[in-house]
């Protein structure tokens, strides 16, 4: 519960500071849009460890305290913990517009076949 509490407290404090900074800022609309995207990326990056690590471990620990043997059903907990580092950057890459556009351009360019046309001299 301590780690979840810390995540929630600091997540809310970060949200509050970003909201106040953007509201009082005289920055451009582009800056505000970027701050909004980074905030949503932060929210999703906070939810991912909760869903992949805290929730499964809490469920397993609850069953331990209730003296219920899960036997082979604890393997998914290991898998979700191992998946966390691979899944964590995905929200940022998909939410932040510049990253998303770059990924889309890269994927669309790699799908095209690079056909090299050669000119043959006319006799």
PDB file of N, CA and C in Angstrom:
ATOM      1  N   UNK A   1       0.817  -1.196   0.000  1.00  0.00           N
ATOM      2  CA  UNK A   1       0.000   0.000   0.000  1.00  0.00           C
ATOM      3  C   UNK A   1       0.863   1.263   0.000  1.00  0.00           C
ATOM      4  N   UNK A   2       2.058   1.178   0.564  1.00  0.00           N
ATOM      5  CA  UNK A   2       2.918   2.354   0.639  1.00  0.00           C
ATOM      6  C   UNK A   2       3.317   2.823  -0.754  1.00  0.00           C
ATOM      7  N   UNK A   3       3.729   1.899  -1.599  1.00  0.00           N
ATOM      8  CA  UNK A   3       4.177   2.302  -2.939  1.00  0.00           C
ATOM      9  C   UNK A   3       3.015   2.845  -3.772  1.00  0.00           C
ATOM     10  N   UNK A   4       1.839   2.255  -3.643  1.00  0.00           N
ATOM     11  CA  UNK A   4       0.671   2.762  -4.372  1.00  0.00           C
ATOM     12  C   UNK A   4       0.309   4.158  -3.864  1.00  0.00           C
ATOM     13  N   UNK A   5       0.372   4.350  -2.555  1.00  0.00           N
ATOM     14  CA  UNK A   5       0.086   5.665  -1.988  1.00  0.00           C
ATOM     15  C   UNK A   5       1.069   6.712  -2.487  1.00  0.00           C
ATOM     16  N   UNK A   6       2.337   6.360  -2.524  1.00  0.00           N
ATOM     17  CA  UNK A   6       3.360   7.295  -3.008  1.00  0.00           C
ATOM     18  C   UNK A   6       3.108   7.651  -4.463  1.00  0.00           C
ATOM     19  N   UNK A   7       2.783   6.661  -5.280  1.00  0.00           N
ATOM     20  CA  UNK A   7       2.495   6.916  -6.693  1.00  0.00           C
ATOM     21  C   UNK A   7       1.308   7.856  -6.837  1.00  0.00           C
ATOM     22  N   UNK A   8       0.247   7.608  -6.090  1.00  0.00           N
ATOM     23  CA  UNK A   8      -0.947   8.452  -6.183  1.00  0.00           C
ATOM     24  C   UNK A   8      -0.689   9.868  -5.668  1.00  0.00           C
ATOM     25  N   UNK A   9       0.000   9.998  -4.561  1.00  0.00           N
ATOM     26  CA  UNK A   9       0.277  11.321  -3.990  1.00  0.00           C
ATOM     27  C   UNK A   9       1.133  12.149  -4.935  1.00  0.00           C
ATOM     28  N   UNK A  10       2.242  11.574  -5.398  1.00  0.00           N
ATOM     29  CA  UNK A  10       3.130  12.340  -6.269  1.00  0.00           C
ATOM     30  C   UNK A  10       2.530  12.534  -7.660  1.00  0.00           C
ATOM     31  N   UNK A  11       1.709  11.600  -8.106  1.00  0.00           N
ATOM     32  CA  UNK A  11       1.010  11.786  -9.377  1.00  0.00           C
ATOM     33  C   UNK A  11       0.054  12.965  -9.309  1.00  0.00           C
ATOM     34  N   UNK A  12      -0.684  13.065  -8.204  1.00  0.00           N
ATOM     35  CA  UNK A  12      -1.602  14.187  -8.037  1.00  0.00           C
ATOM     36  C   UNK A  12      -0.845  15.499  -7.895  1.00  0.00           C
ATOM     37  N   UNK A  13       0.257  15.484  -7.144  1.00  0.00           N
ATOM     38  CA  UNK A  13       1.054  16.710  -6.995  1.00  0.00           C
ATOM     39  C   UNK A  13       1.617  17.164  -8.330  1.00  0.00           C
ATOM     40  N   UNK A  14       2.073  16.214  -9.134  1.00  0.00           N
ATOM     41  CA  UNK A  14       2.594  16.542 -10.463  1.00  0.00           C
ATOM     42  C   UNK A  14       1.485  17.114 -11.341  1.00  0.00           C
ATOM     43  N   UNK A  15       0.321  16.491 -11.302  1.00  0.00           N
ATOM     44  CA  UNK A  15      -0.823  16.989 -12.066  1.00  0.00           C
ATOM     45  C   UNK A  15      -1.173  18.413 -11.653  1.00  0.00           C
ATOM     46  N   UNK A  16      -1.207  18.669 -10.349  1.00  0.00           N
ATOM     47  CA  UNK A  16      -1.570  19.985  -9.840  1.00  0.00           C
ATOM     48  C   UNK A  16      -0.551  21.046 -10.273  1.00  0.00           C
ATOM     49  N   UNK A  17       0.731  20.726 -10.184  1.00  0.00           N
ATOM     50  CA  UNK A  17       1.766  21.688 -10.594  1.00  0.00           C
ATOM     51  C   UNK A  17       1.723  21.959 -12.099  1.00  0.00           C
ATOM     52  N   UNK A  18       1.525  20.917 -12.894  1.00  0.00           N
ATOM     53  CA  UNK A  18       1.460  21.111 -14.348  1.00  0.00           C
ATOM     54  C   UNK A  18       0.234  21.940 -14.703  1.00  0.00           C
ATOM     55  N   UNK A  19      -0.895  21.653 -14.069  1.00  0.00           N
ATOM     56  CA  UNK A  19      -2.122  22.404 -14.347  1.00  0.00           C
ATOM     57  C   UNK A  19      -1.937  23.876 -14.003  1.00  0.00           C
ATOM     58  N   UNK A  20      -1.362  24.173 -12.852  1.00  0.00           N
ATOM     59  CA  UNK A  20      -1.132  25.562 -12.446  1.00  0.00           C
ATOM     60  C   UNK A  20      -0.142  26.258 -13.376  1.00  0.00           C
ATOM     61  N   UNK A  21       0.915  25.549 -13.758  1.00  0.00           N
ATOM     62  CA  UNK A  21       1.931  26.147 -14.620  1.00  0.00           C
ATOM     63  C   UNK A  21       1.363  26.468 -15.991  1.00  0.00           C
ATOM     64  N   UNK A  22       0.602  25.558 -16.557  1.00  0.00           N
ATOM     65  CA  UNK A  22       0.022  25.782 -17.877  1.00  0.00           C
ATOM     66  C   UNK A  22      -1.034  26.876 -17.819  1.00  0.00           C
ATOM     67  N   UNK A  23      -1.813  26.919 -16.743  1.00  0.00           N
ATOM     68  CA  UNK A  23      -2.874  27.926 -16.616  1.00  0.00           C
ATOM     69  C   UNK A  23      -2.310  29.334 -16.479  1.00  0.00           C
ATOM     70  N   UNK A  24      -1.205  29.498 -15.764  1.00  0.00           N
ATOM     71  CA  UNK A  24      -0.635  30.826 -15.551  1.00  0.00           C
ATOM     72  C   UNK A  24       0.400  31.199 -16.600  1.00  0.00           C
ATOM     73  N   UNK A  25       0.743  30.276 -17.446  1.00  0.00           N
ATOM     74  CA  UNK A  25       1.780  30.520 -18.448  1.00  0.00           C
ATOM     75  C   UNK A  25       1.239  31.348 -19.610  1.00  0.00           C
ATOM     76  N   UNK A  26       2.110  32.163 -20.148  1.00  0.00           N
ATOM     77  CA  UNK A  26       1.752  32.925 -21.346  1.00  0.00           C
ATOM     78  C   UNK A  26       2.380  32.278 -22.571  1.00  0.00           C
ATOM     79  N   UNK A  27       2.666  31.006 -22.455  1.00  0.00           N
ATOM     80  CA  UNK A  27       3.326  30.282 -23.539  1.00  0.00           C
ATOM     81  C   UNK A  27       2.358  30.032 -24.689  1.00  0.00           C
ATOM     82  N   UNK A  28       2.915  29.556 -25.761  1.00  0.00           N
ATOM     83  CA  UNK A  28       2.143  29.328 -26.975  1.00  0.00           C
ATOM     84  C   UNK A  28       1.206  28.135 -26.827  1.00  0.00           C
ATOM     85  N   UNK A  29       0.310  28.035 -27.780  1.00  0.00           N
ATOM     86  CA  UNK A  29      -0.635  26.915 -27.798  1.00  0.00           C
ATOM     87  C   UNK A  29       0.102  25.596 -28.012  1.00  0.00           C
ATOM     88  N   UNK A  30       1.194  25.638 -28.759  1.00  0.00           N
ATOM     89  CA  UNK A  30       1.995  24.432 -29.008  1.00  0.00           C
ATOM     90  C   UNK A  30       2.590  23.914 -27.692  1.00  0.00           C
ATOM     91  N   UNK A  31       3.063  24.831 -26.850  1.00  0.00           N
ATOM     92  CA  UNK A  31       3.607  24.463 -25.551  1.00  0.00           C
ATOM     93  C   UNK A  31       2.532  23.829 -24.676  1.00  0.00           C
ATOM     94  N   UNK A  32       1.359  24.430 -24.650  1.00  0.00           N
ATOM     95  CA  UNK A  32       0.266  23.902 -23.843  1.00  0.00           C
ATOM     96  C   UNK A  32      -0.163  22.518 -24.333  1.00  0.00           C
ATOM     97  N   UNK A  33      -0.190  22.355 -25.641  1.00  0.00           N
ATOM     98  CA  UNK A  33      -0.569  21.064 -26.220  1.00  0.00           C
ATOM     99  C   UNK A  33       0.450  19.986 -25.831  1.00  0.00           C
ATOM    100  N   UNK A  34       1.742  20.339 -25.888  1.00  0.00           N
ATOM    101  CA  UNK A  34       2.787  19.390 -25.519  1.00  0.00           C
ATOM    102  C   UNK A  34       2.694  19.030 -24.039  1.00  0.00           C
ATOM    103  N   UNK A  35       2.468  20.018 -23.181  1.00  0.00           N
ATOM    104  CA  UNK A  35       2.327  19.742 -21.747  1.00  0.00           C
ATOM    105  C   UNK A  35       1.134  18.828 -21.480  1.00  0.00           C
ATOM    106  N   UNK A  36       0.053  19.038 -22.210  1.00  0.00           N
ATOM    107  CA  UNK A  36      -1.131  18.189 -22.060  1.00  0.00           C
ATOM    108  C   UNK A  36      -0.816  16.753 -22.487  1.00  0.00           C
ATOM    109  N   UNK A  37      -0.110  16.596 -23.589  1.00  0.00           N
ATOM    110  CA  UNK A  37       0.265  15.259 -24.062  1.00  0.00           C
ATOM    111  C   UNK A  37       1.187  14.573 -23.046  1.00  0.00           C
ATOM    112  N   UNK A  38       2.146  15.320 -22.510  1.00  0.00           N
ATOM    113  CA  UNK A  38       3.060  14.736 -21.524  1.00  0.00           C
ATOM    114  C   UNK A  38       2.321  14.348 -20.244  1.00  0.00           C
ATOM    115  N   UNK A  39       1.314  15.126 -19.887  1.00  0.00           N
ATOM    116  CA  UNK A  39       0.521  14.771 -18.705  1.00  0.00           C
ATOM    117  C   UNK A  39      -0.206  13.447 -18.925  1.00  0.00           C
ATOM    118  N   UNK A  40      -0.849  13.295 -20.073  1.00  0.00           N
ATOM    119  CA  UNK A  40      -1.553  12.040 -20.339  1.00  0.00           C
ATOM    120  C   UNK A  40      -0.582  10.867 -20.420  1.00  0.00           C
ATOM    121  N   UNK A  41       0.602  11.088 -20.970  1.00  0.00           N
ATOM    122  CA  UNK A  41       1.614  10.036 -20.990  1.00  0.00           C
ATOM    123  C   UNK A  41       2.006   9.661 -19.564  1.00  0.00           C
ATOM    124  N   UNK A  42       2.125  10.657 -18.697  1.00  0.00           N
ATOM    125  CA  UNK A  42       2.447  10.400 -17.299  1.00  0.00           C
ATOM    126  C   UNK A  42       1.356   9.588 -16.613  1.00  0.00           C
ATOM    127  N   UNK A  43       0.109   9.919 -16.887  1.00  0.00           N
ATOM    128  CA  UNK A  43      -1.006   9.176 -16.290  1.00  0.00           C
ATOM    129  C   UNK A  43      -0.951   7.711 -16.722  1.00  0.00           C
ATOM    130  N   UNK A  44      -0.750   7.468 -18.011  1.00  0.00           N
ATOM    131  CA  UNK A  44      -0.696   6.081 -18.476  1.00  0.00           C
ATOM    132  C   UNK A  44       0.540   5.364 -17.947  1.00  0.00           C
ATOM    133  N   UNK A  45       1.663   6.079 -17.832  1.00  0.00           N
ATOM    134  CA  UNK A  45       2.852   5.440 -17.285  1.00  0.00           C
ATOM    135  C   UNK A  45       2.721   5.192 -15.787  1.00  0.00           C
ATOM    136  N   UNK A  46       1.780   5.830 -15.154  1.00  0.00           N
ATOM    137  CA  UNK A  46       1.483   5.530 -13.754  1.00  0.00           C
ATOM    138  C   UNK A  46       0.555   4.323 -13.662  1.00  0.00           C
ATOM    139  N   UNK A  47      -0.372   4.202 -14.599  1.00  0.00           N
ATOM    140  CA  UNK A  47      -1.309   3.078 -14.578  1.00  0.00           C
ATOM    141  C   UNK A  47      -0.652   1.752 -14.952  1.00  0.00           C
ATOM    142  N   UNK A  48       0.332   1.796 -15.826  1.00  0.00           N
ATOM    143  CA  UNK A  48       0.969   0.553 -16.291  1.00  0.00           C
ATOM    144  C   UNK A  48       1.609  -0.225 -15.142  1.00  0.00           C
ATOM    145  N   UNK A  49       2.456   0.377 -14.294  1.00  0.00           N
ATOM    146  CA  UNK A  49       2.994  -0.427 -13.191  1.00  0.00           C
ATOM    147  C   UNK A  49       1.914  -0.875 -12.209  1.00  0.00           C
ATOM    148  N   UNK A  50       0.880  -0.051 -12.056  1.00  0.00           N
ATOM    149  CA  UNK A  50      -0.215  -0.461 -11.168  1.00  0.00           C
ATOM    150  C   UNK A  50      -0.883  -1.722 -11.710  1.00  0.00           C
ATOM    151  N   UNK A  51      -1.157  -1.735 -13.018  1.00  0.00           N
ATOM    152  CA  UNK A  51      -1.852  -2.874 -13.618  1.00  0.00           C
ATOM    153  C   UNK A  51      -0.945  -4.098 -13.774  1.00  0.00           C
ATOM    154  N   UNK A  52       0.330  -3.877 -14.074  1.00  0.00           N
ATOM    155  CA  UNK A  52       1.222  -5.007 -14.354  1.00  0.00           C
ATOM    156  C   UNK A  52       1.970  -5.525 -13.131  1.00  0.00           C
ATOM    157  N   UNK A  53       2.121  -4.688 -12.107  1.00  0.00           N
ATOM    158  CA  UNK A  53       2.890  -5.151 -10.948  1.00  0.00           C
ATOM    159  C   UNK A  53       2.083  -5.108  -9.647  1.00  0.00           C
ATOM    160  N   UNK A  54       1.539  -3.954  -9.310  1.00  0.00           N
ATOM    161  CA  UNK A  54       0.886  -3.819  -8.011  1.00  0.00           C
ATOM    162  C   UNK A  54      -0.372  -4.684  -7.894  1.00  0.00           C
ATOM    163  N   UNK A  55      -1.235  -4.620  -8.865  1.00  0.00           N
ATOM    164  CA  UNK A  55      -2.490  -5.367  -8.795  1.00  0.00           C
ATOM    165  C   UNK A  55      -2.278  -6.881  -8.747  1.00  0.00           C
ATOM    166  N   UNK A  56      -1.476  -7.472  -9.661  1.00  0.00           N
ATOM    167  CA  UNK A  56      -1.276  -8.928  -9.579  1.00  0.00           C
ATOM    168  C   UNK A  56      -0.612  -9.379  -8.276  1.00  0.00           C
ATOM    169  N   UNK A  57       0.367  -8.616  -7.812  1.00  0.00           N
ATOM    170  CA  UNK A  57       1.038  -9.007  -6.564  1.00  0.00           C
ATOM    171  C   UNK A  57       0.099  -8.861  -5.375  1.00  0.00           C
ATOM    172  N   UNK A  58      -0.728  -7.822  -5.386  1.00  0.00           N
ATOM    173  CA  UNK A  58      -1.700  -7.638  -4.306  1.00  0.00           C
ATOM    174  C   UNK A  58      -2.685  -8.803  -4.263  1.00  0.00           C
ATOM    175  N   UNK A  59      -3.127  -9.250  -5.425  1.00  0.00           N
ATOM    176  CA  UNK A  59      -4.053 -10.387  -5.478  1.00  0.00           C
ATOM    177  C   UNK A  59      -3.388 -11.648  -4.948  1.00  0.00           C
ATOM    178  N   UNK A  60      -2.154 -11.898  -5.370  1.00  0.00           N
ATOM    179  CA  UNK A  60      -1.441 -13.086  -4.890  1.00  0.00           C
ATOM    180  C   UNK A  60      -1.225 -13.005  -3.382  1.00  0.00           C
ATOM    181  N   UNK A  61      -0.841 -11.818  -2.891  1.00  0.00           N
ATOM    182  CA  UNK A  61      -0.620 -11.668  -1.451  1.00  0.00           C
ATOM    183  C   UNK A  61      -1.922 -11.850  -0.671  1.00  0.00           C
ATOM    184  N   UNK A  62      -3.028 -11.401  -1.223  1.00  0.00           N
ATOM    185  CA  UNK A  62      -4.319 -11.591  -0.556  1.00  0.00           C
ATOM    186  C   UNK A  62      -4.632 -13.073  -0.419  1.00  0.00           C
ATOM    187  N   UNK A  63      -4.358 -13.841  -1.475  1.00  0.00           N
ATOM    188  CA  UNK A  63      -4.594 -15.283  -1.396  1.00  0.00           C
ATOM    189  C   UNK A  63      -3.658 -15.947  -0.394  1.00  0.00           C
ATOM    190  N   UNK A  64      -2.433 -15.449  -0.272  1.00  0.00           N
ATOM    191  CA  UNK A  64      -1.500 -16.002   0.721  1.00  0.00           C
ATOM    192  C   UNK A  64      -2.042 -15.766   2.127  1.00  0.00           C
ATOM    193  N   UNK A  65      -2.512 -14.536   2.386  1.00  0.00           N
ATOM    194  CA  UNK A  65      -3.048 -14.230   3.706  1.00  0.00           C
ATOM    195  C   UNK A  65      -4.329 -14.996   4.002  1.00  0.00           C
ATOM    196  N   UNK A  66      -5.084 -15.346   2.958  1.00  0.00           N
ATOM    197  CA  UNK A  66      -6.294 -16.141   3.144  1.00  0.00           C
ATOM    198  C   UNK A  66      -6.001 -17.637   3.177  1.00  0.00           C
ATOM    199  N   UNK A  67      -4.710 -18.001   3.065  1.00  0.00           N
ATOM    200  CA  UNK A  67      -4.256 -19.383   3.098  1.00  0.00           C
ATOM    201  C   UNK A  67      -4.877 -20.216   1.969  1.00  0.00           C
ATOM    202  N   UNK A  68      -4.958 -19.604   0.802  1.00  0.00           N
ATOM    203  CA  UNK A  68      -5.460 -20.299  -0.377  1.00  0.00           C
ATOM    204  C   UNK A  68      -4.270 -20.526  -1.310  1.00  0.00           C
ATOM    205  N   UNK A  69      -4.061 -21.783  -1.687  1.00  0.00           N
ATOM    206  CA  UNK A  69      -2.924 -22.128  -2.531  1.00  0.00           C
ATOM    207  C   UNK A  69      -3.287 -21.913  -3.994  1.00  0.00           C
ATOM    208  N   UNK A  70      -2.497 -21.095  -4.692  1.00  0.00           N
ATOM    209  CA  UNK A  70      -2.759 -20.823  -6.102  1.00  0.00           C
ATOM    210  C   UNK A  70      -1.972 -21.736  -7.037  1.00  0.00           C
ATOM    211  N   UNK A  71      -0.998 -22.434  -6.519  1.00  0.00           N
ATOM    212  CA  UNK A  71      -0.140 -23.350  -7.265  1.00  0.00           C
ATOM    213  C   UNK A  71       0.398 -22.718  -8.543  1.00  0.00           C
ATOM    214  N   UNK A  72      -0.057 -23.163  -9.693  1.00  0.00           N
ATOM    215  CA  UNK A  72       0.494 -22.700 -10.971  1.00  0.00           C
ATOM    216  C   UNK A  72      -0.081 -21.368 -11.447  1.00  0.00           C
ATOM    217  N   UNK A  73      -1.034 -20.829 -10.731  1.00  0.00           N
ATOM    218  CA  UNK A  73      -1.660 -19.586 -11.165  1.00  0.00           C
ATOM    219  C   UNK A  73      -0.834 -18.346 -10.819  1.00  0.00           C
ATOM    220  N   UNK A  74       0.309 -18.524 -10.195  1.00  0.00           N
ATOM    221  CA  UNK A  74       1.170 -17.388  -9.879  1.00  0.00           C
ATOM    222  C   UNK A  74       2.146 -17.061 -11.009  1.00  0.00           C
ATOM    223  N   UNK A  75       2.251 -17.908 -11.993  1.00  0.00           N
ATOM    224  CA  UNK A  75       3.173 -17.664 -13.124  1.00  0.00           C
ATOM    225  C   UNK A  75       2.841 -16.382 -13.894  1.00  0.00           C
ATOM    226  N   UNK A  76       1.564 -16.052 -14.111  1.00  0.00           N
ATOM    227  CA  UNK A  76       1.280 -14.794 -14.818  1.00  0.00           C
ATOM    228  C   UNK A  76       1.805 -13.550 -14.109  1.00  0.00           C
ATOM    229  N   UNK A  77       1.952 -13.611 -12.785  1.00  0.00           N
ATOM    230  CA  UNK A  77       2.502 -12.473 -12.052  1.00  0.00           C
ATOM    231  C   UNK A  77       3.945 -12.233 -12.485  1.00  0.00           C
ATOM    232  N   UNK A  78       4.710 -13.287 -12.619  1.00  0.00           N
ATOM    233  CA  UNK A  78       6.099 -13.149 -13.084  1.00  0.00           C
ATOM    234  C   UNK A  78       6.141 -12.578 -14.490  1.00  0.00           C
ATOM    235  N   UNK A  79       5.246 -13.032 -15.322  1.00  0.00           N
ATOM    236  CA  UNK A  79       5.213 -12.565 -16.709  1.00  0.00           C
ATOM    237  C   UNK A  79       4.864 -11.081 -16.779  1.00  0.00           C
ATOM    238  N   UNK A  80       3.883 -10.644 -15.992  1.00  0.00           N
ATOM    239  CA  UNK A  80       3.499  -9.231 -16.029  1.00  0.00           C
ATOM    240  C   UNK A  80       4.618  -8.335 -15.507  1.00  0.00           C
ATOM    241  N   UNK A  81       5.352  -8.810 -14.503  1.00  0.00           N
ATOM    242  CA  UNK A  81       6.477  -8.024 -13.988  1.00  0.00           C
ATOM    243  C   UNK A  81       7.579  -7.916 -15.036  1.00  0.00           C
ATOM    244  N   UNK A  82       7.824  -8.982 -15.762  1.00  0.00           N
ATOM    245  CA  UNK A  82       8.845  -8.964 -16.806  1.00  0.00           C
ATOM    246  C   UNK A  82       8.416  -8.091 -17.988  1.00  0.00           C
ATOM    247  N   UNK A  83       7.128  -8.030 -18.275  1.00  0.00           N
ATOM    248  CA  UNK A  83       6.627  -7.216 -19.385  1.00  0.00           C
ATOM    249  C   UNK A  83       6.700  -5.714 -19.116  1.00  0.00           C
ATOM    250  N   UNK A  84       6.718  -5.324 -17.862  1.00  0.00           N
ATOM    251  CA  UNK A  84       6.656  -3.908 -17.508  1.00  0.00           C
ATOM    252  C   UNK A  84       7.692  -3.030 -18.226  1.00  0.00           C
ATOM    253  N   UNK A  85       8.989  -3.368 -18.213  1.00  0.00           N
ATOM    254  CA  UNK A  85       9.952  -2.484 -18.891  1.00  0.00           C
ATOM    255  C   UNK A  85       9.709  -2.352 -20.394  1.00  0.00           C
ATOM    256  N   UNK A  86       9.156  -3.382 -21.008  1.00  0.00           N
ATOM    257  CA  UNK A  86       8.909  -3.323 -22.453  1.00  0.00           C
ATOM    258  C   UNK A  86       7.658  -2.508 -22.777  1.00  0.00           C
ATOM    259  N   UNK A  87       6.671  -2.537 -21.898  1.00  0.00           N
ATOM    260  CA  UNK A  87       5.403  -1.865 -22.157  1.00  0.00           C
ATOM    261  C   UNK A  87       5.427  -0.404 -21.700  1.00  0.00           C
ATOM    262  N   UNK A  88       6.272  -0.066 -20.747  1.00  0.00           N
ATOM    263  CA  UNK A  88       6.261   1.258 -20.135  1.00  0.00           C
ATOM    264  C   UNK A  88       6.449   2.428 -21.111  1.00  0.00           C
ATOM    265  N   UNK A  89       7.350   2.379 -22.085  1.00  0.00           N
ATOM    266  CA  UNK A  89       7.516   3.543 -22.971  1.00  0.00           C
ATOM    267  C   UNK A  89       6.447   3.674 -24.055  1.00  0.00           C
ATOM    268  N   UNK A  90       5.632   2.662 -24.264  1.00  0.00           N
ATOM    269  CA  UNK A  90       4.658   2.682 -25.360  1.00  0.00           C
ATOM    270  C   UNK A  90       3.667   3.841 -25.265  1.00  0.00           C
ATOM    271  N   UNK A  91       3.092   4.155 -24.095  1.00  0.00           N
ATOM    272  CA  UNK A  91       2.166   5.291 -24.057  1.00  0.00           C
ATOM    273  C   UNK A  91       2.806   6.608 -24.499  1.00  0.00           C
ATOM    274  N   UNK A  92       4.031   6.846 -24.078  1.00  0.00           N
ATOM    275  CA  UNK A  92       4.702   8.089 -24.476  1.00  0.00           C
ATOM    276  C   UNK A  92       4.885   8.122 -25.985  1.00  0.00           C
ATOM    277  N   UNK A  93       5.278   7.009 -26.552  1.00  0.00           N
ATOM    278  CA  UNK A  93       5.491   6.963 -27.995  1.00  0.00           C
ATOM    279  C   UNK A  93       4.194   7.149 -28.776  1.00  0.00           C
ATOM    280  N   UNK A  94       3.089   6.727 -28.209  1.00  0.00           N
ATOM    281  CA  UNK A  94       1.811   6.850 -28.910  1.00  0.00           C
ATOM    282  C   UNK A  94       1.065   8.142 -28.600  1.00  0.00           C
ATOM    283  N   UNK A  95       1.260   8.707 -27.428  1.00  0.00           N
ATOM    284  CA  UNK A  95       0.511   9.898 -27.031  1.00  0.00           C
ATOM    285  C   UNK A  95       1.168  11.184 -27.523  1.00  0.00           C
ATOM    286  N   UNK A  96       2.487  11.283 -27.411  1.00  0.00           N
ATOM    287  CA  UNK A  96       3.183  12.504 -27.833  1.00  0.00           C
ATOM    288  C   UNK A  96       3.189  12.547 -29.354  1.00  0.00           C
ATOM    289  N   UNK A  97       2.639  13.613 -29.893  1.00  0.00           N
ATOM    290  CA  UNK A  97       2.377  13.715 -31.330  1.00  0.00           C
ATOM    291  C   UNK A  97       3.641  13.605 -32.179  1.00  0.00           C
ATOM    292  N   UNK A  98       4.719  14.244 -31.756  1.00  0.00           N
ATOM    293  CA  UNK A  98       5.950  14.187 -32.552  1.00  0.00           C
ATOM    294  C   UNK A  98       6.499  12.762 -32.636  1.00  0.00           C
ATOM    295  N   UNK A  99       6.462  12.043 -31.536  1.00  0.00           N
ATOM    296  CA  UNK A  99       6.915  10.651 -31.546  1.00  0.00           C
ATOM    297  C   UNK A  99       6.002   9.801 -32.423  1.00  0.00           C
ATOM    298  N   UNK A 100       4.698  10.000 -32.277  1.00  0.00           N
ATOM    299  CA  UNK A 100       3.728   9.218 -33.039  1.00  0.00           C
ATOM    300  C   UNK A 100       3.909   9.439 -34.536  1.00  0.00           C
ATOM    301  N   UNK A 101       4.081  10.691 -34.959  1.00  0.00           N
ATOM    302  CA  UNK A 101       4.269  10.993 -36.373  1.00  0.00           C
ATOM    303  C   UNK A 101       5.556  10.381 -36.903  1.00  0.00           C
ATOM    304  N   UNK A 102       6.615  10.452 -36.109  1.00  0.00           N
ATOM    305  CA  UNK A 102       7.894   9.873 -36.528  1.00  0.00           C
ATOM    306  C   UNK A 102       7.787   8.368 -36.703  1.00  0.00           C
ATOM    307  N   UNK A 103       7.140   7.713 -35.773  1.00  0.00           N
ATOM    308  CA  UNK A 103       6.954   6.260 -35.878  1.00  0.00           C
ATOM    309  C   UNK A 103       6.125   5.924 -37.102  1.00  0.00           C
ATOM    310  N   UNK A 104       5.060   6.674 -37.332  1.00  0.00           N
ATOM    311  CA  UNK A 104       4.208   6.429 -38.497  1.00  0.00           C
ATOM    312  C   UNK A 104       4.996   6.624 -39.797  1.00  0.00           C
ATOM    313  N   UNK A 105       5.793   7.688 -39.862  1.00  0.00           N
ATOM    314  CA  UNK A 105       6.595   7.932 -41.069  1.00  0.00           C
ATOM    315  C   UNK A 105       7.610   6.815 -41.276  1.00  0.00           C
ATOM    316  N   UNK A 106       8.230   6.374 -40.197  1.00  0.00           N
ATOM    317  CA  UNK A 106       9.211   5.297 -40.310  1.00  0.00           C
ATOM    318  C   UNK A 106       8.557   4.010 -40.796  1.00  0.00           C
ATOM    319  N   UNK A 107       7.405   3.679 -40.224  1.00  0.00           N
ATOM    320  CA  UNK A 107       6.728   2.442 -40.613  1.00  0.00           C
ATOM    321  C   UNK A 107       6.179   2.519 -42.035  1.00  0.00           C
ATOM    322  N   UNK A 108       5.702   3.681 -42.449  1.00  0.00           N
ATOM    323  CA  UNK A 108       5.182   3.797 -43.807  1.00  0.00           C
ATOM    324  C   UNK A 108       6.305   3.790 -44.831  1.00  0.00           C
ATOM    325  N   UNK A 109       7.467   4.313 -44.485  1.00  0.00           N
ATOM    326  CA  UNK A 109       8.606   4.286 -45.399  1.00  0.00           C
ATOM    327  C   UNK A 109       9.181   2.888 -45.524  1.00  0.00           C
ATOM    328  N   UNK A 110       9.173   2.136 -44.433  1.00  0.00           N
ATOM    329  CA  UNK A 110       9.766   0.813 -44.482  1.00  0.00           C
ATOM    330  C   UNK A 110       8.890  -0.180 -45.234  1.00  0.00           C
ATOM    331  N   UNK A 111       7.595   0.131 -45.374  1.00  0.00           N
ATOM    332  CA  UNK A 111       6.714  -0.769 -46.108  1.00  0.00           C
ATOM    333  C   UNK A 111       6.858  -0.608 -47.608  1.00  0.00           C
ATOM    334  N   UNK A 112       7.301   0.571 -48.046  1.00  0.00           N
ATOM    335  CA  UNK A 112       7.471   0.793 -49.472  1.00  0.00           C
ATOM    336  C   UNK A 112       8.709   0.054 -49.956  1.00  0.00           C
ATOM    337  N   UNK A 113       8.616  -0.498 -51.129  1.00  0.00           N
ATOM    338  CA  UNK A 113       9.780  -1.168 -51.676  1.00  0.00           C
ATOM    339  C   UNK A 113      10.621  -0.138 -52.409  1.00  0.00           C
ATOM    340  N   UNK A 114      11.897  -0.222 -52.200  1.00  0.00           N
ATOM    341  CA  UNK A 114      12.807   0.709 -52.849  1.00  0.00           C
ATOM    342  C   UNK A 114      13.196   0.160 -54.207  1.00  0.00           C
ATOM    343  N   UNK A 115      12.498   0.599 -55.238  1.00  0.00           N
ATOM    344  CA  UNK A 115      12.761   0.148 -56.601  1.00  0.00           C
ATOM    345  C   UNK A 115      13.678   1.168 -57.235  1.00  0.00           C
ATOM    346  N   UNK A 116      14.806   0.682 -57.692  1.00  0.00           N
ATOM    347  CA  UNK A 116      15.767   1.565 -58.328  1.00  0.00           C
ATOM    348  C   UNK A 116      15.585   1.440 -59.850  1.00  0.00           C
ATOM    349  N   UNK A 117      15.282   2.559 -60.455  1.00  0.00           N
ATOM    350  CA  UNK A 117      15.087   2.557 -61.903  1.00  0.00           C
ATOM    351  C   UNK A 117      16.419   2.879 -62.566  1.00  0.00           C
ATOM    352  N   UNK A 118      16.755   2.075 -63.530  1.00  0.00           N
ATOM    353  CA  UNK A 118      17.989   2.340 -64.267  1.00  0.00           C
ATOM    354  C   UNK A 118      17.625   2.712 -65.691  1.00  0.00           C
ATOM    355  N   UNK A 119      18.317   3.688 -66.154  1.00  0.00           N
ATOM    356  CA  UNK A 119      18.066   4.151 -67.519  1.00  0.00           C
ATOM    357  C   UNK A 119      18.951   3.367 -68.468  1.00  0.00           C
ATOM    358  N   UNK A 120      18.367   2.895 -69.539  1.00  0.00           N
ATOM    359  CA  UNK A 120      19.172   2.194 -70.546  1.00  0.00           C
ATOM    360  C   UNK A 120      19.421   3.161 -71.700  1.00  0.00           C
ATOM    361  N   UNK A 121      20.643   3.224 -72.148  1.00  0.00           N
ATOM    362  CA  UNK A 121      20.935   4.157 -73.247  1.00  0.00           C
ATOM    363  C   UNK A 121      20.254   3.717 -74.536  1.00  0.00           C
ATOM    364  N   UNK A 122      19.740   4.688 -75.249  1.00  0.00           N
ATOM    365  CA  UNK A 122      19.106   4.380 -76.531  1.00  0.00           C
ATOM    366  C   UNK A 122      20.170   4.310 -77.612  1.00  0.00           C
ATOM    367  N   UNK A 123      20.058   3.297 -78.453  1.00  0.00           N
ATOM    368  CA  UNK A 123      21.084   3.135 -79.512  1.00  0.00           C
ATOM    369  C   UNK A 123      20.923   4.111 -80.637  1.00  0.00           C
TER     370      UNK A 123
END
